Structure formats: structure tokens, C-alpha cells
All heavy atoms as atom14 arrays in JSON, in Angstrom:
{
  "sequence": "MGLLPTKGLTLPLLSFGGTGILANCVAMAVLLRIDWEN",
  "atom14_mask": [
    [1, 1, 1, 1, 1, 1, 1, 1, 0, 0, 0, 0, 0, 0],
    [1, 1, 1, 1, 0, 0, 0, 0, 0, 0, 0, 0, 0, 0],
    [1, 1, 1, 1, 1, 1, 1, 1, 0, 0, 0, 0, 0, 0],
    [1, 1, 1, 1, 1, 1, 1, 1, 0, 0, 0, 0, 0, 0],
    [1, 1, 1, 1, 1, 1, 1, 0, 0, 0, 0, 0, 0, 0],
    [1, 1, 1, 1, 1, 1, 1, 0, 0, 0, 0, 0, 0, 0],
    [1, 1, 1, 1, 1, 1, 1, 1, 1, 0, 0, 0, 0, 0],
    [1, 1, 1, 1, 0, 0, 0, 0, 0, 0, 0, 0, 0, 0],
    [1, 1, 1, 1, 1, 1, 1, 1, 0, 0, 0, 0, 0, 0],
    [1, 1, 1, 1, 1, 1, 1, 0, 0, 0, 0, 0, 0, 0],
    [1, 1, 1, 1, 1, 1, 1, 1, 0, 0, 0, 0, 0, 0],
    [1, 1, 1, 1, 1, 1, 1, 0, 0, 0, 0, 0, 0, 0],
    [1, 1, 1, 1, 1, 1, 1, 1, 0, 0, 0, 0, 0, 0],
    [1, 1, 1, 1, 1, 1, 1, 1, 0, 0, 0, 0, 0, 0],
    [1, 1, 1, 1, 1, 1, 0, 0, 0, 0, 0, 0, 0, 0],
    [1, 1, 1, 1, 1, 1, 1, 1, 1, 1, 1, 0, 0, 0],
    [1, 1, 1, 1, 0, 0, 0, 0, 0, 0, 0, 0, 0, 0],
    [1, 1, 1, 1, 0, 0, 0, 0, 0, 0, 0, 0, 0, 0],
    [1, 1, 1, 1, 1, 1, 1, 0, 0, 0, 0, 0, 0, 0],
    [1, 1, 1, 1, 0, 0, 0, 0, 0, 0, 0, 0, 0, 0],
    [1, 1, 1, 1, 1, 1, 1, 1, 0, 0, 0, 0, 0, 0],
    [1, 1, 1, 1, 1, 1, 1, 1, 0, 0, 0, 0, 0, 0],
    [1, 1, 1, 1, 1, 0, 0, 0, 0, 0, 0, 0, 0, 0],
    [1, 1, 1, 1, 1, 1, 1, 1, 0, 0, 0, 0, 0, 0],
    [1, 1, 1, 1, 1, 1, 0, 0, 0, 0, 0, 0, 0, 0],
    [1, 1, 1, 1, 1, 1, 1, 0, 0, 0, 0, 0, 0, 0],
    [1, 1, 1, 1, 1, 0, 0, 0, 0, 0, 0, 0, 0, 0],
    [1, 1, 1, 1, 1, 1, 1, 1, 0, 0, 0, 0, 0, 0],
    [1, 1, 1, 1, 1, 0, 0, 0, 0, 0, 0, 0, 0, 0],
    [1, 1, 1, 1, 1, 1, 1, 0, 0, 0, 0, 0, 0, 0],
    [1, 1, 1, 1, 1, 1, 1, 1, 0, 0, 0, 0, 0, 0],
    [1, 1, 1, 1, 1, 1, 1, 1, 0, 0, 0, 0, 0, 0],
    [1, 1, 1, 1, 1, 1, 1, 1, 1, 1, 1, 0, 0, 0],
    [1, 1, 1, 1, 1, 1, 1, 1, 0, 0, 0, 0, 0, 0],
    [1, 1, 1, 1, 1, 1, 1, 1, 0, 0, 0, 0, 0, 0],
    [1, 1, 1, 1, 1, 1, 1, 1, 1, 1, 1, 1, 1, 1],
    [1, 1, 1, 1, 1, 1, 1, 1, 1, 0, 0, 0, 0, 0],
    [1, 1, 1, 1, 1, 1, 1, 1, 0, 0, 0, 0, 0, 0]
  ],
  "atom14_positions": [
    [[-71.91, 91.38, 138.82], [-72.76, 91.03, 139.95], [-72.41, 89.67, 140.56], [-73.09, 89.21, 141.47], [-74.22, 91.05, 139.52], [-74.73, 92.44, 139.2], [-76.51, 92.49, 138.83], [-76.53, 91.85, 137.16], [0.0, 0.0, 0.0], [0.0, 0.0, 0.0], [0.0, 0.0, 0.0], [0.0, 0.0, 0.0], [0.0, 0.0, 0.0], [0.0, 0.0, 0.0]],
    [[-71.37, 89.02, 140.04], [-70.96, 87.75, 140.6], [-71.81, 86.58, 140.16], [-71.75, 85.51, 140.76], [0.0, 0.0, 0.0], [0.0, 0.0, 0.0], [0.0, 0.0, 0.0], [0.0, 0.0, 0.0], [0.0, 0.0, 0.0], [0.0, 0.0, 0.0], [0.0, 0.0, 0.0], [0.0, 0.0, 0.0], [0.0, 0.0, 0.0], [0.0, 0.0, 0.0]],
    [[-72.61, 86.78, 139.11], [-73.46, 85.7, 138.61], [-72.75, 84.84, 137.58], [-73.19, 83.72, 137.29], [-74.74, 86.29, 137.99], [-75.61, 87.12, 138.94], [-76.79, 87.73, 138.17], [-76.1, 86.28, 140.09], [0.0, 0.0, 0.0], [0.0, 0.0, 0.0], [0.0, 0.0, 0.0], [0.0, 0.0, 0.0], [0.0, 0.0, 0.0], [0.0, 0.0, 0.0]],
    [[-71.67, 85.36, 137.0], [-70.89, 84.64, 136.0], [-69.41, 84.79, 136.31], [-69.0, 85.78, 136.93], [-71.18, 85.2, 134.59], [-72.59, 85.0, 134.03], [-72.76, 85.8, 132.75], [-72.87, 83.52, 133.78], [0.0, 0.0, 0.0], [0.0, 0.0, 0.0], [0.0, 0.0, 0.0], [0.0, 0.0, 0.0], [0.0, 0.0, 0.0], [0.0, 0.0, 0.0]],
    [[-68.57, 83.83, 135.88], [-67.13, 83.95, 136.11], [-66.56, 85.17, 135.41], [-67.08, 85.63, 134.39], [-66.58, 82.65, 135.49], [-67.74, 81.72, 135.42], [-68.95, 82.57, 135.23], [0.0, 0.0, 0.0], [0.0, 0.0, 0.0], [0.0, 0.0, 0.0], [0.0, 0.0, 0.0], [0.0, 0.0, 0.0], [0.0, 0.0, 0.0], [0.0, 0.0, 0.0]],
    [[-65.49, 85.7, 135.96], [-64.86, 86.9, 135.41], [-64.4, 86.68, 133.98], [-63.71, 85.72, 133.67], [-63.65, 87.32, 136.27], [-64.09, 87.5, 137.61], [-63.05, 88.61, 135.76], [0.0, 0.0, 0.0], [0.0, 0.0, 0.0], [0.0, 0.0, 0.0], [0.0, 0.0, 0.0], [0.0, 0.0, 0.0], [0.0, 0.0, 0.0], [0.0, 0.0, 0.0]],
    [[-64.81, 87.58, 133.08], [-64.46, 87.53, 131.67], [-64.07, 88.92, 131.22], [-64.62, 89.91, 131.68], [-65.65, 87.06, 130.83], [-65.79, 85.56, 130.78], [-64.89, 84.96, 129.71], [-63.94, 83.98, 130.34], [-62.59, 84.39, 130.44], [0.0, 0.0, 0.0], [0.0, 0.0, 0.0], [0.0, 0.0, 0.0], [0.0, 0.0, 0.0], [0.0, 0.0, 0.0]],
    [[-63.15, 89.01, 130.31], [-62.7, 90.31, 129.82], [-63.6, 90.87, 128.74], [-63.19, 91.03, 127.59], [0.0, 0.0, 0.0], [0.0, 0.0, 0.0], [0.0, 0.0, 0.0], [0.0, 0.0, 0.0], [0.0, 0.0, 0.0], [0.0, 0.0, 0.0], [0.0, 0.0, 0.0], [0.0, 0.0, 0.0], [0.0, 0.0, 0.0], [0.0, 0.0, 0.0]],
    [[-64.84, 91.17, 129.1], [-65.79, 91.75, 128.15], [-66.29, 93.1, 128.66], [-66.67, 93.23, 129.83], [-66.99, 90.81, 127.95], [-66.81, 89.63, 126.99], [-68.05, 88.76, 126.99], [-66.5, 90.11, 125.58], [0.0, 0.0, 0.0], [0.0, 0.0, 0.0], [0.0, 0.0, 0.0], [0.0, 0.0, 0.0], [0.0, 0.0, 0.0], [0.0, 0.0, 0.0]],
    [[-66.29, 94.07, 127.79], [-66.74, 95.41, 128.16], [-68.26, 95.52, 128.06], [-68.92, 94.65, 127.48], [-66.1, 96.47, 127.25], [-66.41, 96.14, 125.87], [-64.6, 96.5, 127.43], [0.0, 0.0, 0.0], [0.0, 0.0, 0.0], [0.0, 0.0, 0.0], [0.0, 0.0, 0.0], [0.0, 0.0, 0.0], [0.0, 0.0, 0.0], [0.0, 0.0, 0.0]],
    [[-68.8, 96.59, 128.6], [-70.22, 96.87, 128.5], [-70.45, 97.64, 127.2], [-69.92, 98.74, 127.03], [-70.68, 97.71, 129.7], [-72.18, 97.87, 129.94], [-72.85, 96.51, 130.11], [-72.42, 98.74, 131.17], [0.0, 0.0, 0.0], [0.0, 0.0, 0.0], [0.0, 0.0, 0.0], [0.0, 0.0, 0.0], [0.0, 0.0, 0.0], [0.0, 0.0, 0.0]],
    [[-71.2, 97.08, 126.26], [-71.36, 97.71, 124.94], [-71.82, 99.16, 125.03], [-72.68, 99.5, 125.86], [-72.43, 96.84, 124.25], [-72.34, 95.52, 124.93], [-71.98, 95.82, 126.36], [0.0, 0.0, 0.0], [0.0, 0.0, 0.0], [0.0, 0.0, 0.0], [0.0, 0.0, 0.0], [0.0, 0.0, 0.0], [0.0, 0.0, 0.0], [0.0, 0.0, 0.0]],
    [[-71.23, 100.01, 124.18], [-71.58, 101.43, 124.04], [-71.18, 102.28, 125.23], [-71.26, 103.51, 125.16], [-73.08, 101.59, 123.8], [-73.64, 100.95, 122.53], [-75.16, 100.91, 122.57], [-73.17, 101.69, 121.28], [0.0, 0.0, 0.0], [0.0, 0.0, 0.0], [0.0, 0.0, 0.0], [0.0, 0.0, 0.0], [0.0, 0.0, 0.0], [0.0, 0.0, 0.0]],
    [[-70.71, 101.66, 126.33], [-70.39, 102.44, 127.52], [-68.92, 102.38, 127.92], [-68.3, 103.42, 128.16], [-71.25, 101.97, 128.71], [-72.62, 102.63, 128.85], [-73.61, 102.0, 127.89], [-73.14, 102.5, 130.27], [0.0, 0.0, 0.0], [0.0, 0.0, 0.0], [0.0, 0.0, 0.0], [0.0, 0.0, 0.0], [0.0, 0.0, 0.0], [0.0, 0.0, 0.0]],
    [[-68.36, 101.17, 128.03], [-67.02, 101.01, 128.58], [-65.95, 101.66, 127.71], [-66.1, 101.81, 126.49], [-66.7, 99.53, 128.76], [-67.51, 98.94, 129.74], [0.0, 0.0, 0.0], [0.0, 0.0, 0.0], [0.0, 0.0, 0.0], [0.0, 0.0, 0.0], [0.0, 0.0, 0.0], [0.0, 0.0, 0.0], [0.0, 0.0, 0.0], [0.0, 0.0, 0.0]],
    [[-64.84, 102.01, 128.36], [-63.69, 102.56, 127.66], [-63.09, 101.51, 126.74], [-62.94, 100.35, 127.11], [-62.64, 103.01, 128.68], [-61.38, 103.56, 128.08], [-61.32, 104.87, 127.67], [-60.27, 102.75, 127.9], [-60.16, 105.39, 127.1], [-59.11, 103.24, 127.34], [-59.06, 104.57, 126.94], [0.0, 0.0, 0.0], [0.0, 0.0, 0.0], [0.0, 0.0, 0.0]],
    [[-62.72, 101.91, 125.54], [-62.12, 101.0, 124.57], [-62.42, 101.44, 123.16], [-63.59, 101.44, 122.75], [0.0, 0.0, 0.0], [0.0, 0.0, 0.0], [0.0, 0.0, 0.0], [0.0, 0.0, 0.0], [0.0, 0.0, 0.0], [0.0, 0.0, 0.0], [0.0, 0.0, 0.0], [0.0, 0.0, 0.0], [0.0, 0.0, 0.0], [0.0, 0.0, 0.0]],
    [[-61.41, 101.83, 122.43], [-61.61, 102.43, 121.11], [-62.24, 101.53, 120.09], [-63.24, 101.88, 119.45], [0.0, 0.0, 0.0], [0.0, 0.0, 0.0], [0.0, 0.0, 0.0], [0.0, 0.0, 0.0], [0.0, 0.0, 0.0], [0.0, 0.0, 0.0], [0.0, 0.0, 0.0], [0.0, 0.0, 0.0], [0.0, 0.0, 0.0], [0.0, 0.0, 0.0]],
    [[-61.7, 100.32, 119.89], [-62.22, 99.43, 118.87], [-63.63, 98.96, 119.21], [-64.48, 98.81, 118.33], [-61.3, 98.21, 118.68], [-59.95, 98.63, 118.61], [-61.65, 97.47, 117.41], [0.0, 0.0, 0.0], [0.0, 0.0, 0.0], [0.0, 0.0, 0.0], [0.0, 0.0, 0.0], [0.0, 0.0, 0.0], [0.0, 0.0, 0.0], [0.0, 0.0, 0.0]],
    [[-63.87, 98.71, 120.5], [-65.2, 98.29, 120.92], [-66.25, 99.34, 120.63], [-67.34, 99.04, 120.12], [0.0, 0.0, 0.0], [0.0, 0.0, 0.0], [0.0, 0.0, 0.0], [0.0, 0.0, 0.0], [0.0, 0.0, 0.0], [0.0, 0.0, 0.0], [0.0, 0.0, 0.0], [0.0, 0.0, 0.0], [0.0, 0.0, 0.0], [0.0, 0.0, 0.0]],
    [[-65.94, 100.6, 120.95], [-66.87, 101.7, 120.69], [-67.1, 101.85, 119.19], [-68.23, 102.03, 118.73], [-66.32, 103.02, 121.28], [-66.41, 103.0, 122.8], [-67.06, 104.23, 120.71], [-67.84, 103.02, 123.34], [0.0, 0.0, 0.0], [0.0, 0.0, 0.0], [0.0, 0.0, 0.0], [0.0, 0.0, 0.0], [0.0, 0.0, 0.0], [0.0, 0.0, 0.0]],
    [[-66.03, 101.75, 118.4], [-66.15, 101.85, 116.95], [-67.06, 100.76, 116.4], [-67.98, 101.03, 115.61], [-64.76, 101.75, 116.31], [-64.72, 101.69, 114.78], [-65.26, 102.98, 114.18], [-63.29, 101.44, 114.29], [0.0, 0.0, 0.0], [0.0, 0.0, 0.0], [0.0, 0.0, 0.0], [0.0, 0.0, 0.0], [0.0, 0.0, 0.0], [0.0, 0.0, 0.0]],
    [[-66.83, 99.51, 116.81], [-67.64, 98.39, 116.33], [-69.1, 98.54, 116.74], [-70.01, 98.29, 115.95], [-67.07, 97.08, 116.86], [0.0, 0.0, 0.0], [0.0, 0.0, 0.0], [0.0, 0.0, 0.0], [0.0, 0.0, 0.0], [0.0, 0.0, 0.0], [0.0, 0.0, 0.0], [0.0, 0.0, 0.0], [0.0, 0.0, 0.0], [0.0, 0.0, 0.0]],
    [[-69.34, 98.97, 117.98], [-70.71, 99.17, 118.46], [-71.43, 100.26, 117.68], [-72.6, 100.11, 117.32], [-70.71, 99.53, 119.94], [-70.24, 98.41, 120.85], [-69.83, 98.65, 121.98], [-70.28, 97.18, 120.37], [0.0, 0.0, 0.0], [0.0, 0.0, 0.0], [0.0, 0.0, 0.0], [0.0, 0.0, 0.0], [0.0, 0.0, 0.0], [0.0, 0.0, 0.0]],
    [[-70.74, 101.37, 117.41], [-71.34, 102.47, 116.65], [-71.7, 102.05, 115.23], [-72.78, 102.38, 114.73], [-70.39, 103.67, 116.63], [-70.25, 104.57, 118.18], [0.0, 0.0, 0.0], [0.0, 0.0, 0.0], [0.0, 0.0, 0.0], [0.0, 0.0, 0.0], [0.0, 0.0, 0.0], [0.0, 0.0, 0.0], [0.0, 0.0, 0.0], [0.0, 0.0, 0.0]],
    [[-70.8, 101.32, 114.59], [-71.07, 100.84, 113.23], [-72.26, 99.88, 113.24], [-73.15, 99.96, 112.37], [-69.82, 100.15, 112.64], [-70.17, 99.44, 111.33], [-68.73, 101.18, 112.39], [0.0, 0.0, 0.0], [0.0, 0.0, 0.0], [0.0, 0.0, 0.0], [0.0, 0.0, 0.0], [0.0, 0.0, 0.0], [0.0, 0.0, 0.0], [0.0, 0.0, 0.0]],
    [[-72.31, 98.99, 114.23], [-73.42, 98.03, 114.31], [-74.75, 98.76, 114.47], [-75.74, 98.41, 113.8], [-73.2, 97.08, 115.49], [0.0, 0.0, 0.0], [0.0, 0.0, 0.0], [0.0, 0.0, 0.0], [0.0, 0.0, 0.0], [0.0, 0.0, 0.0], [0.0, 0.0, 0.0], [0.0, 0.0, 0.0], [0.0, 0.0, 0.0], [0.0, 0.0, 0.0]],
    [[-74.8, 99.78, 115.32], [-76.04, 100.52, 115.52], [-76.42, 101.31, 114.28], [-77.6, 101.46, 113.95], [-75.92, 101.43, 116.73], [-75.68, 100.7, 118.05], [-76.86, 99.37, 118.38], [-78.37, 100.3, 118.57], [0.0, 0.0, 0.0], [0.0, 0.0, 0.0], [0.0, 0.0, 0.0], [0.0, 0.0, 0.0], [0.0, 0.0, 0.0], [0.0, 0.0, 0.0]],
    [[-75.42, 101.82, 113.56], [-75.69, 102.55, 112.32], [-76.28, 101.61, 111.27], [-77.21, 101.98, 110.53], [-74.4, 103.18, 111.79], [0.0, 0.0, 0.0], [0.0, 0.0, 0.0], [0.0, 0.0, 0.0], [0.0, 0.0, 0.0], [0.0, 0.0, 0.0], [0.0, 0.0, 0.0], [0.0, 0.0, 0.0], [0.0, 0.0, 0.0], [0.0, 0.0, 0.0]],
    [[-75.75, 100.39, 111.19], [-76.28, 99.41, 110.24], [-77.71, 99.03, 110.62], [-78.58, 98.88, 109.75], [-75.37, 98.16, 110.19], [-76.03, 97.03, 109.41], [-74.02, 98.52, 109.58], [0.0, 0.0, 0.0], [0.0, 0.0, 0.0], [0.0, 0.0, 0.0], [0.0, 0.0, 0.0], [0.0, 0.0, 0.0], [0.0, 0.0, 0.0], [0.0, 0.0, 0.0]],
    [[-77.98, 98.91, 111.91], [-79.34, 98.61, 112.37], [-80.3, 99.74, 111.98], [-81.42, 99.5, 111.53], [-79.34, 98.41, 113.89], [-80.61, 97.84, 114.53], [-80.95, 96.48, 113.93], [-80.43, 97.74, 116.04], [0.0, 0.0, 0.0], [0.0, 0.0, 0.0], [0.0, 0.0, 0.0], [0.0, 0.0, 0.0], [0.0, 0.0, 0.0], [0.0, 0.0, 0.0]],
    [[-79.84, 100.97, 112.13], [-80.64, 102.12, 111.71], [-80.86, 102.1, 110.19], [-81.95, 102.45, 109.71], [-79.96, 103.44, 112.12], [-80.14, 103.87, 113.57], [-79.14, 104.97, 113.91], [-81.57, 104.37, 113.8], [0.0, 0.0, 0.0], [0.0, 0.0, 0.0], [0.0, 0.0, 0.0], [0.0, 0.0, 0.0], [0.0, 0.0, 0.0], [0.0, 0.0, 0.0]],
    [[-79.84, 101.7, 109.45], [-79.96, 101.64, 107.99], [-80.99, 100.58, 107.59], [-81.78, 100.8, 106.65], [-78.6, 101.3, 107.38], [-78.62, 101.07, 105.86], [-78.77, 102.37, 105.1], [-79.06, 102.14, 103.69], [-78.89, 103.06, 102.74], [-78.43, 104.25, 103.06], [-79.19, 102.8, 101.48], [0.0, 0.0, 0.0], [0.0, 0.0, 0.0], [0.0, 0.0, 0.0]],
    [[-80.97, 99.44, 108.27], [-81.95, 98.39, 107.97], [-83.37, 98.92, 108.18], [-84.26, 98.72, 107.35], [-81.69, 97.14, 108.84], [-80.35, 96.49, 108.45], [-82.83, 96.13, 108.68], [-79.91, 95.38, 109.4], [0.0, 0.0, 0.0], [0.0, 0.0, 0.0], [0.0, 0.0, 0.0], [0.0, 0.0, 0.0], [0.0, 0.0, 0.0], [0.0, 0.0, 0.0]],
    [[-83.57, 99.62, 109.29], [-84.89, 100.19, 109.57], [-85.26, 101.23, 108.52], [-86.41, 101.29, 108.07], [-84.89, 100.82, 110.97], [-86.21, 101.47, 111.3], [-87.18, 100.75, 111.55], [-86.28, 102.72, 111.28], [0.0, 0.0, 0.0], [0.0, 0.0, 0.0], [0.0, 0.0, 0.0], [0.0, 0.0, 0.0], [0.0, 0.0, 0.0], [0.0, 0.0, 0.0]],
    [[-84.3, 102.05, 108.12], [-84.54, 103.1, 107.11], [-84.96, 102.46, 105.78], [-85.91, 102.91, 105.13], [-83.27, 103.93, 106.93], [-83.39, 105.04, 105.94], [-84.01, 106.25, 106.11], [-82.85, 105.06, 104.61], [-83.89, 107.01, 104.99], [-83.19, 106.31, 104.05], [-82.11, 104.15, 103.85], [-82.81, 106.66, 102.75], [-81.73, 104.51, 102.57], [-82.09, 105.75, 102.03]],
    [[-84.26, 101.39, 105.39], [-84.61, 100.7, 104.15], [-85.98, 100.04, 104.26], [-86.75, 100.02, 103.29], [-83.54, 99.68, 103.79], [-82.21, 100.31, 103.36], [-81.25, 99.31, 102.75], [-81.64, 98.13, 102.58], [-80.1, 99.71, 102.43], [0.0, 0.0, 0.0], [0.0, 0.0, 0.0], [0.0, 0.0, 0.0], [0.0, 0.0, 0.0], [0.0, 0.0, 0.0]],
    [[-86.3, 99.5, 105.43], [-87.62, 98.9, 105.63], [-88.72, 99.93, 105.39], [-89.73, 99.63, 104.74], [-87.75, 98.36, 107.05], [-87.01, 97.05, 107.25], [-86.7, 96.34, 106.29], [-86.71, 96.72, 108.49], [0.0, 0.0, 0.0], [0.0, 0.0, 0.0], [0.0, 0.0, 0.0], [0.0, 0.0, 0.0], [0.0, 0.0, 0.0], [0.0, 0.0, 0.0]]
  ]
}
């Protein structure tokens, strides 16, 4: 939106990129695990 200088960062869980998607999925799974243990 032009509010910040251009940076090479993808949109989590959405943008194309294999490692990024993998890391995001693992992070969300761990968050679900924390809730499950709670």
C-alpha cells in the first residue's frame, strides 16, 4: 500500500514460496499443539 519501503517479504500463509509455506504451516501446527495441551 506504499506505507512502508519495499521489502522482500511474502504474505504469510498466502504468497508463493515453498520454505515460507512450510515454516508457516509448522508454526500454526505448534500453536494448535499448545492449545491442545492447554
